[in-house]
PDB file of N, CA and C in Angstrom:
ATOM      1  N   UNK A   1       0.671  -1.170  -0.166  1.00  0.00           N
ATOM      2  CA  UNK A   1       0.007   0.246  -0.085  1.00  0.00           C
ATOM      3  C   UNK A   1       1.064   1.247   0.040  1.00  0.00           C
ATOM      4  N   UNK A   2       0.414   2.235  -0.709  1.00  0.00           N
ATOM      5  CA  UNK A   2       1.276   3.280  -1.100  1.00  0.00           C
ATOM      6  C   UNK A   2       1.465   4.357   0.597  1.00  0.00           C
ATOM      7  N   UNK A   3       1.888   4.984   0.272  1.00  0.00           N
ATOM      8  CA  UNK A   3       1.741   6.186   1.560  1.00  0.00           C
ATOM      9  C   UNK A   3       0.429   7.111   1.406  1.00  0.00           C
ATOM     10  N   UNK A   4       0.283   7.417   0.221  1.00  0.00           N
ATOM     11  CA  UNK A   4      -1.073   7.995   0.011  1.00  0.00           C
ATOM     12  C   UNK A   4      -2.083   7.270   0.400  1.00  0.00           C
ATOM     13  N   UNK A   5      -2.164   6.112  -0.111  1.00  0.00           N
ATOM     14  CA  UNK A   5      -3.632   4.955   0.037  1.00  0.00           C
ATOM     15  C   UNK A   5      -3.725   4.855   2.182  1.00  0.00           C
ATOM     16  N   UNK A   6      -2.468   5.041   2.339  1.00  0.00           N
ATOM     17  CA  UNK A   6      -2.335   5.131   3.930  1.00  0.00           C
ATOM     18  C   UNK A   6      -3.132   6.035   4.014  1.00  0.00           C
ATOM     19  N   UNK A   7      -2.480   7.448   3.844  1.00  0.00           N
ATOM     20  CA  UNK A   7      -2.875   8.526   4.450  1.00  0.00           C
ATOM     21  C   UNK A   7      -4.543   8.770   4.565  1.00  0.00           C
ATOM     22  N   UNK A   8      -4.921   8.308   3.156  1.00  0.00           N
ATOM     23  CA  UNK A   8      -6.059   8.355   2.986  1.00  0.00           C
ATOM     24  C   UNK A   8      -7.089   7.290   4.018  1.00  0.00           C
ATOM     25  N   UNK A   9      -6.706   6.213   4.240  1.00  0.00           N
ATOM     26  CA  UNK A   9      -7.264   5.207   5.096  1.00  0.00           C
ATOM     27  C   UNK A   9      -7.326   5.678   6.681  1.00  0.00           C
ATOM     28  N   UNK A  10      -6.259   6.646   6.557  1.00  0.00           N
ATOM     29  CA  UNK A  10      -6.043   7.131   8.173  1.00  0.00           C
ATOM     30  C   UNK A  10      -7.062   8.280   8.174  1.00  0.00           C
ATOM     31  N   UNK A  11      -7.386   8.888   7.476  1.00  0.00           N
ATOM     32  CA  UNK A  11      -8.277  10.015   7.411  1.00  0.00           C
ATOM     33  C   UNK A  11      -9.763   9.245   7.425  1.00  0.00           C
ATOM     34  N   UNK A  12      -9.831   8.292   6.578  1.00  0.00           N
ATOM     35  CA  UNK A  12     -11.574   7.740   6.895  1.00  0.00           C
ATOM     36  C   UNK A  12     -11.864   7.414   8.224  1.00  0.00           C
ATOM     37  N   UNK A  13     -10.863   6.915   8.810  1.00  0.00           N
ATOM     38  CA  UNK A  13     -10.702   5.862   9.979  1.00  0.00           C
ATOM     39  C   UNK A  13     -11.093   6.796  11.023  1.00  0.00           C
ATOM     40  N   UNK A  14     -10.839   7.982  10.842  1.00  0.00           N
ATOM     41  CA  UNK A  14     -10.918   9.352  12.049  1.00  0.00           C
ATOM     42  C   UNK A  14     -12.252   9.949  11.701  1.00  0.00           C
ATOM     43  N   UNK A  15     -12.805   9.839  10.311  1.00  0.00           N
ATOM     44  CA  UNK A  15     -14.206  10.572   9.701  1.00  0.00           C
ATOM     45  C   UNK A  15     -14.811   9.596   9.320  1.00  0.00           C
ATOM     46  N   UNK A  16     -16.085   8.875  10.185  1.00  0.00           N
ATOM     47  CA  UNK A  16     -16.734   7.770   9.382  1.00  0.00           C
ATOM     48  C   UNK A  16     -17.893   8.367   8.146  1.00  0.00           C
ATOM     49  N   UNK A  17     -17.893   9.592   8.389  1.00  0.00           N
ATOM     50  CA  UNK A  17     -18.737  10.271   7.584  1.00  0.00           C
ATOM     51  C   UNK A  17     -18.625  10.542   5.722  1.00  0.00           C
ATOM     52  N   UNK A  18     -17.038   9.857   5.954  1.00  0.00           N
ATOM     53  CA  UNK A  18     -15.934  10.508   4.869  1.00  0.00           C
ATOM     54  C   UNK A  18     -16.979   9.402   3.288  1.00  0.00           C
ATOM     55  N   UNK A  19     -17.084   9.919   2.339  1.00  0.00           N
ATOM     56  CA  UNK A  19     -17.793   9.685   1.187  1.00  0.00           C
ATOM     57  C   UNK A  19     -16.295   9.221  -0.010  1.00  0.00           C
ATOM     58  N   UNK A  20     -15.820  10.489   0.148  1.00  0.00           N
ATOM     59  CA  UNK A  20     -14.848  10.515  -1.119  1.00  0.00           C
ATOM     60  C   UNK A  20     -13.297  10.944  -0.633  1.00  0.00           C
ATOM     61  N   UNK A  21     -12.179  10.718  -0.649  1.00  0.00           N
ATOM     62  CA  UNK A  21     -11.042  11.233  -0.747  1.00  0.00           C
ATOM     63  C   UNK A  21     -10.005  11.157  -1.926  1.00  0.00           C
ATOM     64  N   UNK A  22      -9.453  12.496  -2.260  1.00  0.00           N
ATOM     65  CA  UNK A  22      -8.521  12.261  -3.124  1.00  0.00           C
ATOM     66  C   UNK A  22      -7.118  13.283  -2.786  1.00  0.00           C
ATOM     67  N   UNK A  23      -5.894  12.581  -3.105  1.00  0.00           N
ATOM     68  CA  UNK A  23      -4.936  12.997  -3.317  1.00  0.00           C
ATOM     69  C   UNK A  23      -4.739  13.896  -4.694  1.00  0.00           C
ATOM     70  N   UNK A  24      -4.647  15.510  -4.980  1.00  0.00           N
ATOM     71  CA  UNK A  24      -4.763  15.679  -6.255  1.00  0.00           C
ATOM     72  C   UNK A  24      -3.476  16.750  -6.595  1.00  0.00           C
ATOM     73  N   UNK A  25      -3.167  17.180  -7.743  1.00  0.00           N
ATOM     74  CA  UNK A  25      -2.765  18.460  -7.989  1.00  0.00           C
ATOM     75  C   UNK A  25      -3.535  19.469  -8.014  1.00  0.00           C
ATOM     76  N   UNK A  26      -3.400  21.126  -8.176  1.00  0.00           N
ATOM     77  CA  UNK A  26      -4.170  22.016  -8.783  1.00  0.00           C
ATOM     78  C   UNK A  26      -4.574  21.934 -10.117  1.00  0.00           C
ATOM     79  N   UNK A  27      -3.799  20.808 -10.724  1.00  0.00           N
ATOM     80  CA  UNK A  27      -4.399  20.680 -12.069  1.00  0.00           C
ATOM     81  C   UNK A  27      -5.593  19.636 -12.601  1.00  0.00           C
ATOM     82  N   UNK A  28      -5.773  19.286 -11.374  1.00  0.00           N
ATOM     83  CA  UNK A  28      -7.143  18.414 -11.401  1.00  0.00           C
ATOM     84  C   UNK A  28      -6.673  17.040 -11.510  1.00  0.00           C
ATOM     85  N   UNK A  29      -5.576  16.753 -11.442  1.00  0.00           N
ATOM     86  CA  UNK A  29      -5.197  15.240 -11.990  1.00  0.00           C
ATOM     87  C   UNK A  29      -5.302  14.774 -10.451  1.00  0.00           C
ATOM     88  N   UNK A  30      -5.981  13.178 -10.432  1.00  0.00           N
ATOM     89  CA  UNK A  30      -5.942  12.698  -9.428  1.00  0.00           C
ATOM     90  C   UNK A  30      -4.454  11.861  -8.975  1.00  0.00           C
ATOM     91  N   UNK A  31      -4.042  11.666  -7.758  1.00  0.00           N
ATOM     92  CA  UNK A  31      -2.878  10.957  -7.383  1.00  0.00           C
ATOM     93  C   UNK A  31      -2.946   9.706  -7.035  1.00  0.00           C
ATOM     94  N   UNK A  32      -4.094   9.649  -6.102  1.00  0.00           N
ATOM     95  CA  UNK A  32      -4.853   8.747  -5.563  1.00  0.00           C
ATOM     96  C   UNK A  32      -6.150   8.895  -4.780  1.00  0.00           C
ATOM     97  N   UNK A  33      -6.766   8.022  -4.888  1.00  0.00           N
ATOM     98  CA  UNK A  33      -8.515   8.021  -4.953  1.00  0.00           C
ATOM     99  C   UNK A  33      -9.058   6.720  -4.075  1.00  0.00           C
ATOM    100  N   UNK A  34      -9.701   7.461  -2.716  1.00  0.00           N
ATOM    101  CA  UNK A  34     -10.493   6.114  -2.028  1.00  0.00           C
ATOM    102  C   UNK A  34     -11.631   6.508  -2.107  1.00  0.00           C
ATOM    103  N   UNK A  35     -12.583   5.900  -2.538  1.00  0.00           N
ATOM    104  CA  UNK A  35     -14.389   5.586  -2.593  1.00  0.00           C
ATOM    105  C   UNK A  35     -14.781   5.062  -1.655  1.00  0.00           C
ATOM    106  N   UNK A  36     -15.595   5.502  -0.726  1.00  0.00           N
ATOM    107  CA  UNK A  36     -16.224   4.732   0.383  1.00  0.00           C
ATOM    108  C   UNK A  36     -17.726   4.348   0.784  1.00  0.00           C
ATOM    109  N   UNK A  37     -18.309   5.819  -0.414  1.00  0.00           N
ATOM    110  CA  UNK A  37     -19.381   5.583  -0.663  1.00  0.00           C
ATOM    111  C   UNK A  37     -19.484   6.072  -2.030  1.00  0.00           C
ATOM    112  N   UNK A  38     -20.129   5.555  -2.958  1.00  0.00           N
ATOM    113  CA  UNK A  38     -20.512   6.231  -4.606  1.00  0.00           C
ATOM    114  C   UNK A  38     -21.176   7.485  -4.278  1.00  0.00           C
ATOM    115  N   UNK A  39     -20.687   8.767  -4.775  1.00  0.00           N
ATOM    116  CA  UNK A  39     -21.133   9.972  -4.569  1.00  0.00           C
ATOM    117  C   UNK A  39     -21.151  10.267  -6.414  1.00  0.00           C
ATOM    118  N   UNK A  40     -22.855  10.080  -6.590  1.00  0.00           N
ATOM    119  CA  UNK A  40     -22.868  10.601  -8.203  1.00  0.00           C
ATOM    120  C   UNK A  40     -22.496  11.904  -9.022  1.00  0.00           C
ATOM    121  N   UNK A  41     -21.780  11.914 -10.000  1.00  0.00           N
ATOM    122  CA  UNK A  41     -20.845  12.804 -10.527  1.00  0.00           C
ATOM    123  C   UNK A  41     -19.818  13.057  -9.995  1.00  0.00           C
ATOM    124  N   UNK A  42     -19.246  12.056  -9.049  1.00  0.00           N
ATOM    125  CA  UNK A  42     -17.653  12.240  -8.718  1.00  0.00           C
ATOM    126  C   UNK A  42     -16.913  12.806  -9.284  1.00  0.00           C
ATOM    127  N   UNK A  43     -16.751  12.872 -10.469  1.00  0.00           N
ATOM    128  CA  UNK A  43     -15.429  13.553 -11.367  1.00  0.00           C
ATOM    129  C   UNK A  43     -16.002  14.711 -11.837  1.00  0.00           C
ATOM    130  N   UNK A  44     -17.062  15.007 -11.769  1.00  0.00           N
ATOM    131  CA  UNK A  44     -17.790  16.137 -12.281  1.00  0.00           C
ATOM    132  C   UNK A  44     -17.666  17.458 -11.177  1.00  0.00           C
ATOM    133  N   UNK A  45     -17.910  16.601  -9.797  1.00  0.00           N
ATOM    134  CA  UNK A  45     -17.710  17.455  -8.432  1.00  0.00           C
ATOM    135  C   UNK A  45     -16.223  18.326  -8.196  1.00  0.00           C
ATOM    136  N   UNK A  46     -15.735  16.858  -8.653  1.00  0.00           N
ATOM    137  CA  UNK A  46     -13.835  17.180  -8.166  1.00  0.00           C
ATOM    138  C   UNK A  46     -13.694  18.449  -9.627  1.00  0.00           C
ATOM    139  N   UNK A  47     -13.853  18.092 -10.453  1.00  0.00           N
ATOM    140  CA  UNK A  47     -13.159  18.985 -11.779  1.00  0.00           C
ATOM    141  C   UNK A  47     -14.112  20.414 -11.548  1.00  0.00           C
ATOM    142  N   UNK A  48     -15.068  20.630 -10.725  1.00  0.00           N
ATOM    143  CA  UNK A  48     -15.610  21.797 -10.760  1.00  0.00           C
ATOM    144  C   UNK A  48     -14.925  22.643  -9.104  1.00  0.00           C
ATOM    145  N   UNK A  49     -14.526  21.846  -8.623  1.00  0.00           N
ATOM    146  CA  UNK A  49     -14.058  22.497  -7.390  1.00  0.00           C
ATOM    147  C   UNK A  49     -12.440  22.585  -7.447  1.00  0.00           C
ATOM    148  N   UNK A  50     -12.357  21.984  -8.501  1.00  0.00           N
ATOM    149  CA  UNK A  50     -10.767  21.891  -8.958  1.00  0.00           C
ATOM    150  C   UNK A  50     -10.485  23.356  -9.519  1.00  0.00           C
ATOM    151  N   UNK A  51     -11.367  23.547 -10.314  1.00  0.00           N
ATOM    152  CA  UNK A  51     -11.391  25.005 -10.765  1.00  0.00           C
ATOM    153  C   UNK A  51     -11.808  26.157  -9.460  1.00  0.00           C
ATOM    154  N   UNK A  52     -12.306  25.919  -8.628  1.00  0.00           N
ATOM    155  CA  UNK A  52     -12.546  26.952  -7.899  1.00  0.00           C
ATOM    156  C   UNK A  52     -11.419  26.603  -6.944  1.00  0.00           C
ATOM    157  N   UNK A  53     -10.855  25.774  -6.719  1.00  0.00           N
ATOM    158  CA  UNK A  53      -9.474  26.065  -5.835  1.00  0.00           C
ATOM    159  C   UNK A  53      -8.540  26.863  -6.538  1.00  0.00           C
ATOM    160  N   UNK A  54      -8.099  26.516  -8.083  1.00  0.00           N
ATOM    161  CA  UNK A  54      -7.381  27.413  -8.888  1.00  0.00           C
ATOM    162  C   UNK A  54      -7.719  29.068  -8.582  1.00  0.00           C
ATOM    163  N   UNK A  55      -8.650  29.124  -8.910  1.00  0.00           N
ATOM    164  CA  UNK A  55      -9.431  30.423  -8.740  1.00  0.00           C
ATOM    165  C   UNK A  55      -9.161  31.132  -6.984  1.00  0.00           C
ATOM    166  N   UNK A  56      -9.423  30.249  -6.155  1.00  0.00           N
ATOM    167  CA  UNK A  56      -8.990  30.773  -4.857  1.00  0.00           C
ATOM    168  C   UNK A  56      -7.473  30.544  -4.525  1.00  0.00           C
ATOM    169  N   UNK A  57      -6.796  30.251  -5.137  1.00  0.00           N
ATOM    170  CA  UNK A  57      -5.471  30.037  -4.717  1.00  0.00           C
ATOM    171  C   UNK A  57      -5.102  31.497  -5.461  1.00  0.00           C
ATOM    172  N   UNK A  58      -5.116  32.003  -6.708  1.00  0.00           N
ATOM    173  CA  UNK A  58      -5.327  33.094  -7.300  1.00  0.00           C
ATOM    174  C   UNK A  58      -5.871  34.279  -6.853  1.00  0.00           C
ATOM    175  N   UNK A  59      -6.576  34.296  -6.048  1.00  0.00           N
ATOM    176  CA  UNK A  59      -7.141  35.441  -5.443  1.00  0.00           C
ATOM    177  C   UNK A  59      -6.613  35.267  -3.865  1.00  0.00           C
ATOM    178  N   UNK A  60      -6.060  34.851  -3.460  1.00  0.00           N
ATOM    179  CA  UNK A  60      -5.374  34.414  -2.060  1.00  0.00           C
ATOM    180  C   UNK A  60      -3.759  35.179  -2.590  1.00  0.00           C
ATOM    181  N   UNK A  61      -3.216  34.576  -3.507  1.00  0.00           N
ATOM    182  CA  UNK A  61      -1.900  35.045  -4.130  1.00  0.00           C
ATOM    183  C   UNK A  61      -2.100  36.952  -4.334  1.00  0.00           C
ATOM    184  N   UNK A  62      -3.236  37.038  -5.353  1.00  0.00           N
ATOM    185  CA  UNK A  62      -3.216  38.263  -6.067  1.00  0.00           C
ATOM    186  C   UNK A  62      -3.487  39.441  -5.254  1.00  0.00           C
ATOM    187  N   UNK A  63      -4.125  39.288  -3.762  1.00  0.00           N
ATOM    188  CA  UNK A  63      -4.337  40.071  -2.632  1.00  0.00           C
ATOM    189  C   UNK A  63      -3.318  40.135  -1.735  1.00  0.00           C
ATOM    190  N   UNK A  64      -2.467  39.258  -1.718  1.00  0.00           N
ATOM    191  CA  UNK A  64      -1.142  39.374  -0.615  1.00  0.00           C
ATOM    192  C   UNK A  64      -1.657  38.421   0.832  1.00  0.00           C
ATOM    193  N   UNK A  65      -2.712  37.829   0.336  1.00  0.00           N
ATOM    194  CA  UNK A  65      -3.065  37.090   1.715  1.00  0.00           C
ATOM    195  C   UNK A  65      -2.243  35.840   1.554  1.00  0.00           C
ATOM    196  N   UNK A  66      -1.282  35.133   1.200  1.00  0.00           N
ATOM    197  CA  UNK A  66      -0.659  34.418   1.201  1.00  0.00           C
ATOM    198  C   UNK A  66      -0.888  33.063   0.465  1.00  0.00           C
ATOM    199  N   UNK A  67      -0.278  31.608   0.639  1.00  0.00           N
ATOM    200  CA  UNK A  67      -0.772  30.452   0.222  1.00  0.00           C
ATOM    201  C   UNK A  67      -2.044  30.373   0.672  1.00  0.00           C
ATOM    202  N   UNK A  68      -2.950  29.500   0.214  1.00  0.00           N
ATOM    203  CA  UNK A  68      -3.958  29.062   0.411  1.00  0.00           C
ATOM    204  C   UNK A  68      -4.313  27.862   0.950  1.00  0.00           C
ATOM    205  N   UNK A  69      -4.683  27.519   2.221  1.00  0.00           N
ATOM    206  CA  UNK A  69      -4.086  26.266   3.178  1.00  0.00           C
ATOM    207  C   UNK A  69      -5.434  25.527   3.380  1.00  0.00           C
ATOM    208  N   UNK A  70      -7.066  25.958   2.816  1.00  0.00           N
ATOM    209  CA  UNK A  70      -8.272  25.226   3.084  1.00  0.00           C
ATOM    210  C   UNK A  70      -9.044  25.819   2.652  1.00  0.00           C
ATOM    211  N   UNK A  71      -9.887  25.117   2.118  1.00  0.00           N
ATOM    212  CA  UNK A  71     -11.454  25.487   1.092  1.00  0.00           C
ATOM    213  C   UNK A  71     -12.433  24.344   1.518  1.00  0.00           C
ATOM    214  N   UNK A  72     -13.230  25.185   2.264  1.00  0.00           N
ATOM    215  CA  UNK A  72     -14.454  24.511   2.300  1.00  0.00           C
ATOM    216  C   UNK A  72     -15.805  24.558   1.371  1.00  0.00           C
ATOM    217  N   UNK A  73     -16.669  23.653   1.124  1.00  0.00           N
ATOM    218  CA  UNK A  73     -17.972  24.277   0.186  1.00  0.00           C
ATOM    219  C   UNK A  73     -19.001  23.364   1.000  1.00  0.00           C
ATOM    220  N   UNK A  74     -20.300  24.191   1.906  1.00  0.00           N
ATOM    221  CA  UNK A  74     -20.820  23.138   2.317  1.00  0.00           C
ATOM    222  C   UNK A  74     -22.475  23.226   1.370  1.00  0.00           C
ATOM    223  N   UNK A  75     -23.141  22.317   1.182  1.00  0.00           N
ATOM    224  CA  UNK A  75     -24.191  21.812   0.352  1.00  0.00           C
ATOM    225  C   UNK A  75     -25.379  21.443   1.102  1.00  0.00           C
ATOM    226  N   UNK A  76     -26.363  21.032   0.787  1.00  0.00           N
ATOM    227  CA  UNK A  76     -27.230  20.268   1.398  1.00  0.00           C
ATOM    228  C   UNK A  76     -27.072  18.676   1.407  1.00  0.00           C
ATOM    229  N   UNK A  77     -26.091  18.358   0.462  1.00  0.00           N
ATOM    230  CA  UNK A  77     -26.067  16.919   0.158  1.00  0.00           C
ATOM    231  C   UNK A  77     -24.699  16.334   0.503  1.00  0.00           C
ATOM    232  N   UNK A  78     -23.553  17.663   0.579  1.00  0.00           N
ATOM    233  CA  UNK A  78     -22.125  17.555   0.737  1.00  0.00           C
ATOM    234  C   UNK A  78     -21.502  18.356   0.981  1.00  0.00           C
ATOM    235  N   UNK A  79     -20.033  18.085   2.067  1.00  0.00           N
ATOM    236  CA  UNK A  79     -19.461  19.198   2.660  1.00  0.00           C
ATOM    237  C   UNK A  79     -18.085  18.576   1.715  1.00  0.00           C
ATOM    238  N   UNK A  80     -17.279  19.458   1.293  1.00  0.00           N
ATOM    239  CA  UNK A  80     -16.318  19.079   0.076  1.00  0.00           C
ATOM    240  C   UNK A  80     -15.348  19.903   0.973  1.00  0.00           C
ATOM    241  N   UNK A  81     -13.918  19.627   1.141  1.00  0.00           N
ATOM    242  CA  UNK A  81     -13.141  20.204   1.842  1.00  0.00           C
ATOM    243  C   UNK A  81     -12.054  19.986   1.202  1.00  0.00           C
ATOM    244  N   UNK A  82     -11.014  20.896   0.916  1.00  0.00           N
ATOM    245  CA  UNK A  82      -9.749  20.710   0.543  1.00  0.00           C
ATOM    246  C   UNK A  82      -8.659  21.324   1.041  1.00  0.00           C
ATOM    247  N   UNK A  83      -7.746  20.517   1.489  1.00  0.00           N
ATOM    248  CA  UNK A  83      -6.707  21.251   2.490  1.00  0.00           C
ATOM    249  C   UNK A  83      -5.165  20.468   1.724  1.00  0.00           C
ATOM    250  N   UNK A  84      -4.638  21.841   2.048  1.00  0.00           N
ATOM    251  CA  UNK A  84      -3.248  22.012   1.069  1.00  0.00           C
ATOM    252  C   UNK A  84      -1.905  21.013   1.785  1.00  0.00           C
ATOM    253  N   UNK A  85      -1.974  20.180   0.600  1.00  0.00           N
ATOM    254  CA  UNK A  85      -0.388  19.277   1.682  1.00  0.00           C
ATOM    255  C   UNK A  85       0.533  20.419   0.982  1.00  0.00           C
ATOM    256  N   UNK A  86       0.931  20.799  -0.290  1.00  0.00           N
ATOM    257  CA  UNK A  86       1.865  21.651  -0.792  1.00  0.00           C
ATOM    258  C   UNK A  86       1.070  23.127  -1.379  1.00  0.00           C
ATOM    259  N   UNK A  87       1.930  23.596  -1.979  1.00  0.00           N
ATOM    260  CA  UNK A  87       1.393  25.142  -3.003  1.00  0.00           C
ATOM    261  C   UNK A  87       0.734  24.303  -4.181  1.00  0.00           C
ATOM    262  N   UNK A  88       1.147  23.188  -4.539  1.00  0.00           N
ATOM    263  CA  UNK A  88       0.974  22.662  -5.792  1.00  0.00           C
ATOM    264  C   UNK A  88      -0.531  21.014  -5.585  1.00  0.00           C
ATOM    265  N   UNK A  89      -0.162  20.605  -4.051  1.00  0.00           N
ATOM    266  CA  UNK A  89      -1.229  19.325  -3.833  1.00  0.00           C
ATOM    267  C   UNK A  89      -2.163  19.642  -2.734  1.00  0.00           C
ATOM    268  N   UNK A  90      -3.346  18.824  -3.053  1.00  0.00           N
ATOM    269  CA  UNK A  90      -4.177  19.210  -1.963  1.00  0.00           C
ATOM    270  C   UNK A  90      -4.824  18.011  -1.629  1.00  0.00           C
ATOM    271  N   UNK A  91      -5.370  17.812  -0.166  1.00  0.00           N
ATOM    272  CA  UNK A  91      -6.516  16.810   0.145  1.00  0.00           C
ATOM    273  C   UNK A  91      -7.716  17.116  -0.534  1.00  0.00           C
ATOM    274  N   UNK A  92      -8.533  16.396  -1.146  1.00  0.00           N
ATOM    275  CA  UNK A  92      -9.986  16.573  -1.335  1.00  0.00           C
ATOM    276  C   UNK A  92     -10.729  15.795  -0.613  1.00  0.00           C
ATOM    277  N   UNK A  93     -11.870  15.892   0.295  1.00  0.00           N
ATOM    278  CA  UNK A  93     -12.565  15.103   0.696  1.00  0.00           C
ATOM    279  C   UNK A  93     -14.091  15.604   0.532  1.00  0.00           C
ATOM    280  N   UNK A  94     -14.878  14.211   0.195  1.00  0.00           N
ATOM    281  CA  UNK A  94     -16.130  14.693  -0.265  1.00  0.00           C
ATOM    282  C   UNK A  94     -17.008  14.130   1.631  1.00  0.00           C
ATOM    283  N   UNK A  95     -17.491  14.870   2.104  1.00  0.00           N
ATOM    284  CA  UNK A  95     -18.285  14.134   3.522  1.00  0.00           C
ATOM    285  C   UNK A  95     -19.938  14.114   3.295  1.00  0.00           C
ATOM    286  N   UNK A  96     -20.559  13.555   4.431  1.00  0.00           N
ATOM    287  CA  UNK A  96     -22.007  13.524   4.118  1.00  0.00           C
ATOM    288  C   UNK A  96     -22.511  14.089   5.187  1.00  0.00           C
ATOM    289  N   UNK A  97     -23.626  14.636   4.671  1.00  0.00           N
ATOM    290  CA  UNK A  97     -24.112  15.693   6.078  1.00  0.00           C
ATOM    291  C   UNK A  97     -24.310  15.241   7.082  1.00  0.00           C
ATOM    292  N   UNK A  98     -23.802  16.227   7.939  1.00  0.00           N
ATOM    293  CA  UNK A  98     -23.794  15.692   9.320  1.00  0.00           C
ATOM    294  C   UNK A  98     -22.579  15.360   9.940  1.00  0.00           C
ATOM    295  N   UNK A  99     -21.294  15.448   8.780  1.00  0.00           N
ATOM    296  CA  UNK A  99     -19.814  15.369   9.318  1.00  0.00           C
ATOM    297  C   UNK A  99     -19.537  16.459   9.966  1.00  0.00           C
ATOM    298  N   UNK A 100     -18.642  15.850  11.421  1.00  0.00           N
ATOM    299  CA  UNK A 100     -17.811  16.967  12.072  1.00  0.00           C
ATOM    300  C   UNK A 100     -16.979  17.940  11.557  1.00  0.00           C
ATOM    301  N   UNK A 101     -16.928  18.729  10.705  1.00  0.00           N
ATOM    302  CA  UNK A 101     -15.911  19.219   9.798  1.00  0.00           C
ATOM    303  C   UNK A 101     -14.710  19.667  10.683  1.00  0.00           C
ATOM    304  N   UNK A 102     -14.631  20.009  11.948  1.00  0.00           N
ATOM    305  CA  UNK A 102     -13.519  20.185  12.596  1.00  0.00           C
ATOM    306  C   UNK A 102     -12.760  18.908  12.684  1.00  0.00           C
ATOM    307  N   UNK A 103     -13.413  18.107  12.789  1.00  0.00           N
ATOM    308  CA  UNK A 103     -12.320  16.597  12.801  1.00  0.00           C
ATOM    309  C   UNK A 103     -11.814  16.045  11.479  1.00  0.00           C
ATOM    310  N   UNK A 104     -12.804  16.556  10.606  1.00  0.00           N
ATOM    311  CA  UNK A 104     -12.512  16.256   9.282  1.00  0.00           C
ATOM    312  C   UNK A 104     -11.232  17.314   8.754  1.00  0.00           C
ATOM    313  N   UNK A 105     -11.161  18.399   9.359  1.00  0.00           N
ATOM    314  CA  UNK A 105     -10.285  19.035   8.747  1.00  0.00           C
ATOM    315  C   UNK A 105      -9.123  18.722   9.602  1.00  0.00           C
ATOM    316  N   UNK A 106      -9.049  18.366  10.517  1.00  0.00           N
ATOM    317  CA  UNK A 106      -7.359  18.205  11.646  1.00  0.00           C
ATOM    318  C   UNK A 106      -7.259  16.814  11.048  1.00  0.00           C
ATOM    319  N   UNK A 107      -7.711  15.767  10.777  1.00  0.00           N
ATOM    320  CA  UNK A 107      -7.208  14.848  10.150  1.00  0.00           C
ATOM    321  C   UNK A 107      -6.707  14.963   8.871  1.00  0.00           C
ATOM    322  N   UNK A 108      -7.501  15.800   8.167  1.00  0.00           N
ATOM    323  CA  UNK A 108      -6.637  16.025   6.876  1.00  0.00           C
ATOM    324  C   UNK A 108      -5.255  16.691   6.942  1.00  0.00           C
ATOM    325  N   UNK A 109      -5.297  17.559   7.850  1.00  0.00           N
ATOM    326  CA  UNK A 109      -4.111  18.392   8.216  1.00  0.00           C
ATOM    327  C   UNK A 109      -2.798  17.448   8.603  1.00  0.00           C
ATOM    328  N   UNK A 110      -3.045  16.650   9.366  1.00  0.00           N
ATOM    329  CA  UNK A 110      -2.211  15.698  10.172  1.00  0.00           C
ATOM    330  C   UNK A 110      -2.014  14.799   8.628  1.00  0.00           C
ATOM    331  N   UNK A 111      -2.597  14.509   8.038  1.00  0.00           N
ATOM    332  CA  UNK A 111      -2.432  13.522   6.482  1.00  0.00           C
ATOM    333  C   UNK A 111      -1.532  14.483   5.823  1.00  0.00           C
ATOM    334  N   UNK A 112      -1.964  15.546   5.641  1.00  0.00           N
ATOM    335  CA  UNK A 112      -1.460  16.426   4.647  1.00  0.00           C
ATOM    336  C   UNK A 112       0.141  16.513   4.854  1.00  0.00           C
ATOM    337  N   UNK A 113       0.381  16.783   6.352  1.00  0.00           N
ATOM    338  CA  UNK A 113       1.785  16.803   7.063  1.00  0.00           C
ATOM    339  C   UNK A 113       2.652  15.815   6.578  1.00  0.00           C
ATOM    340  N   UNK A 114       1.982  14.746   6.920  1.00  0.00           N
ATOM    341  CA  UNK A 114       2.946  13.473   6.720  1.00  0.00           C
ATOM    342  C   UNK A 114       3.081  13.365   4.824  1.00  0.00           C
ATOM    343  N   UNK A 115       2.406  13.764   4.441  1.00  0.00           N
ATOM    344  CA  UNK A 115       2.821  13.946   3.036  1.00  0.00           C
ATOM    345  C   UNK A 115       3.488  15.080   2.155  1.00  0.00           C
ATOM    346  N   UNK A 116       3.820  15.915   3.112  1.00  0.00           N
ATOM    347  CA  UNK A 116       4.615  16.956   2.406  1.00  0.00           C
ATOM    348  C   UNK A 116       5.920  16.601   1.697  1.00  0.00           C
ATOM    349  N   UNK A 117       6.619  15.703   2.724  1.00  0.00           N
ATOM    350  CA  UNK A 117       7.644  15.403   1.948  1.00  0.00           C
ATOM    351  C   UNK A 117       7.884  14.444   0.927  1.00  0.00           C
ATOM    352  N   UNK A 118       6.596  13.458   0.583  1.00  0.00           N
ATOM    353  CA  UNK A 118       6.409  13.027  -1.025  1.00  0.00           C
ATOM    354  C   UNK A 118       6.596  14.126  -1.898  1.00  0.00           C
ATOM    355  N   UNK A 119       6.572  14.830  -1.940  1.00  0.00           N
ATOM    356  CA  UNK A 119       6.616  16.072  -3.172  1.00  0.00           C
ATOM    357  C   UNK A 119       7.424  16.950  -2.800  1.00  0.00           C
ATOM    358  N   UNK A 120       8.395  17.062  -2.134  1.00  0.00           N
ATOM    359  CA  UNK A 120       9.972  17.729  -2.095  1.00  0.00           C
ATOM    360  C   UNK A 120      10.948  17.343  -3.258  1.00  0.00           C
TER     361      UNK A 120
END
């Protein structure tokens, strides 16, 4: 099992509402994916949030706010969390309604820190 797969499984173990976890670049290309519950149109959702991620990264940099560290989008049916590993790679999580966002964010930050050296 790769370090990426181990990190995704560790997040899923801490956050039972996890539906999908992806290690991905800001270009939208997935490096590792863990699907726990099938989400309709997952690829379309991930592509749309990648576009939002790129716009948010640009906005943060252009306004002098620094590197984007997290982005969350909450809808009626899903919460999407994106947490930076590096400035070019992120963890994406799709969570079921009712998920504890703080726990998910913490688990993703811990996993991201453990994966950072993989991209050095």
